[in-house]
Protein backbone atom coordinates (compact mmCIF):
# COMPACT_ATOMS: atom_id res chain seq x y z
CA MET A 1 6.69 120.36 14.28
CA GLU A 2 4.90 123.28 15.91
CA ASN A 3 6.83 122.84 19.13
CA ALA A 4 10.22 122.98 17.44
CA GLN A 5 12.78 125.54 18.46
CA ARG A 6 12.44 128.81 16.62
CA GLY A 7 14.70 131.77 17.02
CA GLY A 8 16.49 130.16 19.93
CA ARG A 9 13.25 129.74 21.93
CA ARG A 10 11.32 126.55 22.46
CA ARG A 11 7.55 126.86 22.19
CA ARG A 12 5.33 125.29 24.83
CA ARG A 13 4.36 121.69 24.29
CA PRO A 14 1.01 121.24 22.51
CA ARG A 15 -2.02 120.50 24.65
CA GLN A 16 -5.29 118.74 24.07
CA SER A 17 -7.00 122.10 23.56
CA ASP A 18 -4.66 122.69 20.59
CA ILE A 19 -5.56 119.30 19.12
CA ALA A 20 -9.28 120.07 19.54
CA ARG A 21 -8.89 123.35 17.66
CA VAL A 22 -6.96 121.77 14.77
CA ALA A 23 -9.24 118.73 14.52
CA GLY A 24 -12.43 120.79 14.81
CA VAL A 25 -13.82 118.78 17.74
CA SER A 26 -14.42 119.40 21.43
CA GLN A 27 -11.68 118.96 24.00
CA THR A 28 -13.77 116.23 25.61
CA THR A 29 -13.68 114.27 22.34
CA VAL A 30 -9.89 114.63 22.19
CA SER A 31 -9.54 113.36 25.75
CA LEU A 32 -11.79 110.36 25.08
CA VAL A 33 -9.88 109.36 21.94
CA LEU A 34 -6.37 109.79 23.36
CA ARG A 35 -7.24 108.02 26.62
CA GLY A 36 -8.65 105.07 24.69
CA THR A 37 -11.92 105.00 26.64
CA THR A 38 -14.85 102.83 25.57
CA ILE A 39 -16.80 105.91 24.55
CA GLY A 40 -13.81 107.20 22.59
CA MET A 41 -13.48 103.93 20.68
CA SER A 42 -17.18 104.04 19.80
CA LEU A 43 -16.88 107.43 18.08
CA ALA A 44 -16.98 107.63 14.31
CA ALA A 45 -13.77 106.35 12.75
CA GLU A 46 -13.40 109.58 10.77
CA THR A 47 -13.61 111.65 13.99
CA ARG A 48 -11.06 109.49 15.80
CA GLN A 49 -8.68 109.69 12.84
CA ARG A 50 -8.94 113.51 12.70
CA VAL A 51 -7.96 113.65 16.36
CA LEU A 52 -5.04 111.24 15.92
CA ASP A 53 -3.80 113.05 12.80
CA ALA A 54 -3.92 116.41 14.57
CA ALA A 55 -2.07 115.00 17.58
CA GLU A 56 0.66 113.62 15.36
CA ARG A 57 0.97 116.81 13.33
CA LEU A 58 1.33 118.92 16.49
CA GLY A 59 3.79 116.53 18.08
CA TYR A 60 1.59 115.89 21.10
CA VAL A 61 3.23 113.71 23.76
CA PRO A 62 0.89 112.62 26.59
CA ASP A 63 2.03 112.61 30.19
CA PRO A 64 3.31 109.01 30.63
CA VAL A 65 2.33 108.72 34.29
CA ALA A 66 -1.17 110.08 33.73
CA THR A 67 -1.68 107.90 30.66
CA ARG A 68 -0.54 104.73 32.42
CA LEU A 69 -2.66 105.33 35.51
CA ALA A 70 -5.74 106.41 33.56
CA ALA A 71 -5.59 103.24 31.51
CA ALA A 72 -5.26 101.17 34.65
CA GLY A 73 -8.45 102.58 36.18
CA ASN A 74 -7.22 102.87 39.76
CA ALA A 75 -10.51 104.00 41.34
CA MET A 76 -8.37 106.67 42.97
CA LEU A 77 -9.34 110.35 43.29
CA GLY A 78 -7.13 113.24 44.33
CA LEU A 79 -8.22 115.99 46.74
CA TYR A 80 -6.04 119.11 46.68
CA THR A 81 -6.35 122.02 49.09
CA PHE A 82 -4.61 125.33 48.45
CA SER A 83 -3.48 125.59 52.06
CA ALA A 84 -0.68 124.10 54.12
CA THR A 85 -2.83 121.57 56.01
CA PHE A 86 -6.10 119.73 55.60
CA PRO A 87 -9.15 120.95 57.58
CA THR A 88 -9.35 117.95 59.92
CA ASP A 89 -10.67 120.02 62.84
CA VAL A 90 -14.49 119.86 62.83
CA ALA A 91 -14.56 123.59 63.70
CA HIS A 92 -12.67 124.48 60.50
CA SER A 93 -14.89 126.21 57.94
CA TYR A 94 -13.79 123.80 55.19
CA TYR A 95 -14.24 120.62 57.23
CA PRO A 96 -17.75 119.89 55.83
CA ILE A 97 -16.26 119.77 52.31
CA LEU A 98 -13.78 117.10 53.36
CA ALA A 99 -16.52 115.13 55.12
CA GLY A 100 -18.76 115.24 52.04
CA VAL A 101 -15.95 114.16 49.71
CA GLU A 102 -15.00 111.26 51.99
CA GLU A 103 -18.61 110.08 52.29
CA GLU A 104 -19.31 110.10 48.57
CA ALA A 105 -15.93 108.61 47.61
CA ALA A 106 -16.56 105.70 49.99
CA ALA A 107 -20.09 105.23 48.62
CA GLN A 108 -18.68 105.12 45.07
CA GLY A 109 -15.89 102.66 45.95
CA GLN A 110 -13.13 105.24 45.38
CA ASP A 111 -9.92 105.78 47.33
CA LEU A 112 -8.65 109.28 48.10
CA ILE A 113 -5.17 110.77 47.82
CA LEU A 114 -4.85 113.99 49.83
CA PHE A 115 -2.60 116.78 48.53
CA THR A 116 -1.89 120.00 50.40
CA GLY A 117 -0.49 123.36 49.37
CA SER A 118 2.85 122.49 50.97
CA SER A 119 5.52 120.46 49.23
CA ARG A 120 8.94 119.06 50.03
CA SER A 121 10.50 121.47 47.56
CA GLY A 122 8.91 124.43 49.33
CA THR A 123 7.50 125.76 46.06
CA GLY A 124 4.01 126.19 47.45
CA ALA A 125 0.49 125.48 46.24
CA GLY A 126 0.63 127.59 43.11
CA ASP A 127 3.77 126.08 41.61
CA PRO A 128 3.05 124.02 38.44
CA ALA A 129 5.29 121.21 39.67
CA SER A 130 3.29 121.04 42.86
CA LEU A 131 0.01 120.64 40.99
CA ARG A 132 1.44 118.06 38.59
CA ARG A 133 1.53 115.64 41.51
CA VAL A 134 -2.24 115.18 41.21
CA ARG A 135 -1.78 113.28 37.93
CA VAL A 136 -1.07 110.10 39.85
CA ALA A 137 -4.84 109.98 40.47
CA ASP A 138 -7.57 109.31 37.91
CA GLY A 139 -8.89 112.83 38.50
CA CYS A 140 -8.75 115.50 41.18
CA LEU A 141 -10.93 117.78 43.30
CA PHE A 142 -9.63 121.24 44.24
CA PHE A 143 -10.77 123.69 46.91
CA GLY A 144 -9.56 126.88 48.57
CA ARG A 145 -10.18 130.62 48.14
CA HIS A 146 -6.86 131.45 46.45
CA VAL A 147 -6.25 129.48 43.27
CA PRO A 148 -3.31 129.88 40.83
CA ASP A 149 -4.84 130.40 37.39
CA GLU A 150 -2.11 129.10 35.08
CA PRO A 151 -1.52 125.59 36.53
CA ILE A 152 -5.30 125.00 36.64
CA ARG A 153 -5.61 126.21 33.06
CA GLN A 154 -2.88 123.79 31.99
CA LEU A 155 -4.73 120.86 33.56
CA ALA A 156 -7.87 121.88 31.68
CA GLU A 157 -6.04 122.22 28.36
CA ASP A 158 -4.37 118.85 28.85
CA GLY A 159 -7.74 117.16 29.36
CA PHE A 160 -6.98 115.96 32.90
CA PRO A 161 -10.32 115.39 34.69
CA PHE A 162 -10.82 117.70 37.67
CA VAL A 163 -13.55 119.61 39.49
CA TYR A 164 -13.19 122.73 41.60
CA ILE A 165 -15.36 122.97 44.73
CA GLY A 166 -16.55 126.57 44.59
CA ARG A 167 -17.50 128.80 41.68
CA ARG A 168 -14.70 129.84 39.33
CA ASN A 169 -14.58 132.52 36.63
CA GLU A 170 -12.43 130.57 34.16
CA PRO A 171 -14.59 129.28 31.26
CA ASP A 172 -13.04 125.79 31.08
CA VAL A 173 -13.04 124.92 34.79
CA PRO A 174 -15.75 122.49 35.94
CA TYR A 175 -17.08 123.37 39.38
CA VAL A 176 -19.71 122.78 42.04
CA GLY A 177 -20.40 125.94 44.02
CA ALA A 178 -23.00 127.72 46.11
CA ASP A 179 -25.53 130.24 44.80
CA TYR A 180 -24.36 133.13 46.97
CA VAL A 181 -25.96 135.78 44.75
CA SER A 182 -29.56 134.59 45.21
CA ALA A 183 -29.07 133.81 48.91
CA SER A 184 -27.52 137.21 49.68
CA ALA A 185 -30.25 139.07 47.79
CA ALA A 186 -32.86 137.16 49.82
CA VAL A 187 -31.24 138.30 53.08
CA LEU A 188 -31.51 141.95 51.99
CA ALA A 189 -35.14 141.34 51.04
CA GLY A 190 -35.78 139.95 54.52
CA LEU A 191 -34.24 143.01 56.17
CA ALA A 192 -36.31 145.31 53.97
CA ALA A 193 -39.47 143.39 54.87
CA ALA A 194 -38.64 143.95 58.55
CA GLY A 195 -38.41 147.69 57.90
CA HIS A 196 -34.66 148.27 57.52
CA ARG A 197 -33.62 150.86 54.95
CA ARG A 198 -30.23 151.96 56.28
CA VAL A 199 -27.98 148.91 56.13
CA ARG A 200 -24.23 148.29 55.95
CA TYR A 201 -22.55 145.28 54.37
CA LEU A 202 -19.22 144.43 56.00
CA ARG A 203 -16.84 142.29 53.97
CA GLU A 204 -13.13 141.53 53.84
CA HIS A 205 -10.69 142.87 51.25
CA ASP A 206 -10.19 139.49 49.59
CA GLN A 207 -11.64 139.32 46.06
CA ALA A 208 -12.39 135.60 45.79
CA PRO A 209 -15.39 134.68 43.57
CA SER A 210 -17.44 133.73 46.64
CA SER A 211 -16.89 137.23 48.10
CA ALA A 212 -17.71 138.93 44.80
CA ASP A 213 -20.90 136.87 44.51
CA ARG A 214 -22.05 137.83 48.00
CA GLU A 215 -21.51 141.51 47.28
CA GLU A 216 -23.35 141.25 43.97
CA GLY A 217 -26.29 139.63 45.76
CA VAL A 218 -26.35 142.28 48.49
CA LEU A 219 -26.38 145.09 45.93
CA ARG A 220 -29.01 143.34 43.84
CA GLY A 221 -31.22 142.83 46.89
CA ALA A 222 -30.76 146.43 48.01
CA ARG A 223 -31.72 147.86 44.62
CA SER A 224 -34.79 145.63 44.29
CA THR A 225 -36.12 146.68 47.72
CA GLY A 226 -35.30 150.36 47.70
CA THR A 227 -32.62 150.02 50.36
CA GLU A 228 -30.00 152.77 50.30
CA THR A 229 -26.88 151.71 48.36
CA ALA A 230 -24.75 154.79 49.11
CA GLY A 231 -22.03 153.64 51.51
CA LEU A 232 -23.62 150.19 51.70
CA VAL A 233 -20.45 148.12 51.11
CA VAL A 234 -17.61 148.53 53.62
CA ARG A 235 -14.35 146.55 53.52
CA THR A 236 -12.33 145.64 56.57
CA ASP A 237 -9.53 143.43 57.85
CA GLY A 238 -11.43 143.07 61.12
CA THR A 239 -9.70 145.95 62.92
CA GLY A 240 -10.76 149.51 63.74
CA LEU A 241 -14.46 148.70 63.92
CA ASN A 242 -15.24 150.51 67.19
CA GLY A 243 -15.27 153.93 65.56
CA LEU A 244 -16.90 152.60 62.41
CA LEU A 245 -19.79 151.09 64.38
CA ALA A 246 -20.27 154.36 66.26
CA SER A 247 -20.43 156.32 63.00
CA TRP A 248 -23.03 153.90 61.63
CA LEU A 249 -25.26 154.40 64.64
CA ASP A 250 -24.88 158.16 64.29
CA ASP A 251 -25.99 157.85 60.65
CA GLY A 252 -29.10 155.90 61.62
CA VAL A 253 -27.93 152.47 60.44
CA THR A 254 -30.20 149.79 61.93
CA ALA A 255 -28.83 146.56 60.43
CA VAL A 256 -25.45 145.10 59.45
CA VAL A 257 -24.83 142.20 57.09
CA VAL A 258 -21.47 140.41 57.41
CA GLU A 259 -19.56 138.14 55.06
CA GLN A 260 -18.41 134.89 56.65
CA THR A 261 -15.08 133.54 55.35
CA ASP A 262 -12.52 130.94 56.34
CA THR A 263 -10.73 133.61 58.40
CA GLY A 264 -13.88 135.01 60.03
CA ALA A 265 -12.06 138.34 60.47
CA ALA A 266 -14.96 140.66 59.62
CA LEU A 267 -17.48 138.84 61.82
CA ALA A 268 -15.08 138.52 64.76
CA GLY A 269 -14.12 142.19 64.56
CA LEU A 270 -17.72 143.36 64.42
CA GLY A 271 -18.75 141.06 67.26
CA ALA A 272 -16.02 142.48 69.48
CA ALA A 273 -17.07 146.05 68.64
CA ILE A 274 -20.71 145.28 69.45
CA GLU A 275 -19.71 143.79 72.80
CA ARG A 276 -17.52 146.79 73.69
CA ALA A 277 -20.35 149.18 72.83
CA GLY A 278 -22.71 147.27 75.11
CA LEU A 279 -25.21 146.66 72.31
CA ARG A 280 -27.64 143.75 72.03
CA CYS A 281 -28.71 142.00 68.85
CA PRO A 282 -31.38 142.42 67.59
CA ARG A 283 -32.79 144.90 70.15
CA ASP A 284 -30.24 147.58 69.27
CA LEU A 285 -28.88 146.36 65.96
CA SER A 286 -30.05 143.66 63.56
CA LEU A 287 -27.35 141.37 62.23
CA ALA A 288 -27.20 138.80 59.40
CA VAL A 289 -24.35 136.48 58.38
CA LEU A 290 -23.60 135.31 54.82
CA GLY A 291 -23.17 132.40 55.36
CA ALA A 292 -21.71 129.69 57.61
CA PRO A 293 -21.17 126.02 56.68
CA VAL A 294 -24.23 123.95 57.60
CA GLY A 295 -23.97 122.95 61.25
CA ALA A 296 -21.30 125.53 62.09
CA ARG A 297 -23.49 128.60 62.71
CA GLY A 298 -22.45 130.57 65.77
CA ARG A 299 -24.26 132.91 68.14
CA ALA A 300 -24.40 136.67 68.09
CA PRO A 301 -22.78 138.97 70.65
CA GLY A 302 -24.97 140.85 73.11
CA GLY A 303 -27.77 138.35 73.58
CA GLY A 304 -26.41 135.08 72.22
CA ALA A 305 -29.12 134.53 69.59
CA VAL A 306 -28.40 132.28 66.61
CA PHE A 307 -27.28 134.33 63.61
CA SER A 308 -29.86 134.95 60.91
CA GLY A 309 -28.75 134.66 57.28
CA PHE A 310 -28.02 131.51 55.32
CA ASP A 311 -25.92 128.37 55.54
CA VAL A 312 -23.57 127.10 52.82
CA PRO A 313 -24.18 123.48 51.70
CA MET A 314 -20.48 122.56 51.82
CA ARG A 315 -21.04 118.90 52.64
CA GLU A 316 -23.33 118.45 49.66
CA MET A 317 -20.92 120.45 47.47
CA GLY A 318 -18.22 117.92 48.33
CA ARG A 319 -20.49 114.97 47.54
CA ASP A 320 -21.75 116.46 44.29
CA ALA A 321 -18.21 117.31 43.19
CA VAL A 322 -17.21 113.64 43.56
CA ARG A 323 -20.16 112.56 41.45
CA LEU A 324 -19.34 115.11 38.76
CA LEU A 325 -15.66 114.13 38.71
CA LEU A 326 -16.52 110.47 38.21
CA ARG A 327 -18.72 111.36 35.24
CA LEU A 328 -15.85 113.33 33.70
CA ILE A 329 -13.41 110.46 34.27
CA GLU A 330 -15.86 108.10 32.57
CA GLY A 331 -16.01 110.46 29.59
CA ALA A 332 -19.77 110.89 29.81
CA GLU A 333 -21.16 113.42 27.35
CA GLY A 334 -23.80 116.07 27.96
CA VAL A 335 -22.78 116.51 31.59
CA GLU A 336 -23.53 119.84 33.27
CA THR A 337 -20.05 120.81 34.43
CA ARG A 338 -20.86 124.08 36.23
CA ARG A 339 -23.31 123.71 39.10
CA LEU A 340 -24.53 126.09 41.81
CA LEU A 341 -26.36 124.59 44.78
CA PRO A 342 -28.95 126.62 46.72
CA CYS A 343 -28.02 127.92 50.17
CA GLU A 344 -30.25 127.17 53.13
CA PRO A 345 -31.92 130.25 54.67
CA VAL A 346 -31.64 130.51 58.46
CA ASP A 347 -34.35 132.35 60.38
CA GLY A 348 -32.24 133.02 63.43
CA GLY A 349 -32.85 135.47 66.21
CA THR A 350 -30.76 138.45 65.11
CA ILE A 351 -33.20 140.27 62.82
CA ALA A 352 -36.05 142.36 64.24
CA PRO A 353 -37.82 145.60 63.27
CA PRO A 354 -35.51 148.63 63.49
CA ARG A 355 -35.29 150.68 66.69
CA PRO A 356 -37.58 153.73 66.80
CA PRO A 357 -36.20 156.88 65.14
CA GLY A 358 -34.22 159.04 67.52
CA ARG A 359 -33.49 156.25 70.02
CA ASP A 360 -29.75 155.88 70.64
CA PRO A 361 -29.05 152.45 72.18
CA ARG A 362 -25.70 153.69 73.54
CA ARG A 363 -27.48 156.06 75.93
CA GLU A 364 -29.79 153.49 77.48
């Protein structure tokens, strides 16, 4: 067998992706056949036999708990967050995801099992043993900015149905995310239409896909509108922004775009700096936020106007992720497994034409 001990080392156990490669079929087909679904049983006998022969030759042994529960059809979905607690506070940036998942699960007659990044063993969210707990459900939804690659990849290779809420870079990970690139580019286009050509984009150091997508959109929008890109992107942990803001004003910057994250560090730090400088938005400085969960948009410092920018459809992402997961559990074919939902533009009160050249708002 391919997983026999060789040279004193034991090779990893074969996965459904290995069976698919040997049998010359898709991983979805392998999952349908081995799980004994109705669709799997309706496949051509020759196809099913190739899958079974490959599984036997590789010595594939399915997870007994997952196999038993999948066959039982528990109408039970897992929801796993890569943090220590669930976002039950309505002010939490991830709360709309939880609300959307709960609403759609109830509408579909599904129960939910909630898993957090903490565990009794103290191994944490990224430990493979911690993620294996989700196999007691028929399938699982995942969300959180920091995701351990290897345990997720193992779930995909084993054919366990799951959906990530938020765009992922891994090719085999189904997801429902937000189209941050298009929405961010549109914000830059709006600033350019208002007359802004010297802009700064303030973002945090974290390199999650959602942050990378926002930056890509900002740069794309800047290039397409002739906005200066030199020095456009600035990273921060939310501290030391007093001097940075002063230098921007000295350089003639008239608008700032800020990434909104679950920590809110960049936006909070900039807001405090604007307040300390005695500036008003948008009279002295235009400001746009990319982008708050729908219904959670705050107000700008120095005037209290609603932030311009866009909102993230987190509630609908949660609902759509449940629908996609159920299709994967059913073994439906031809399903679009990577979806980006449009963000909702917000025409708030923090973007206006730039201040006249030579006017320094700090001296008024």
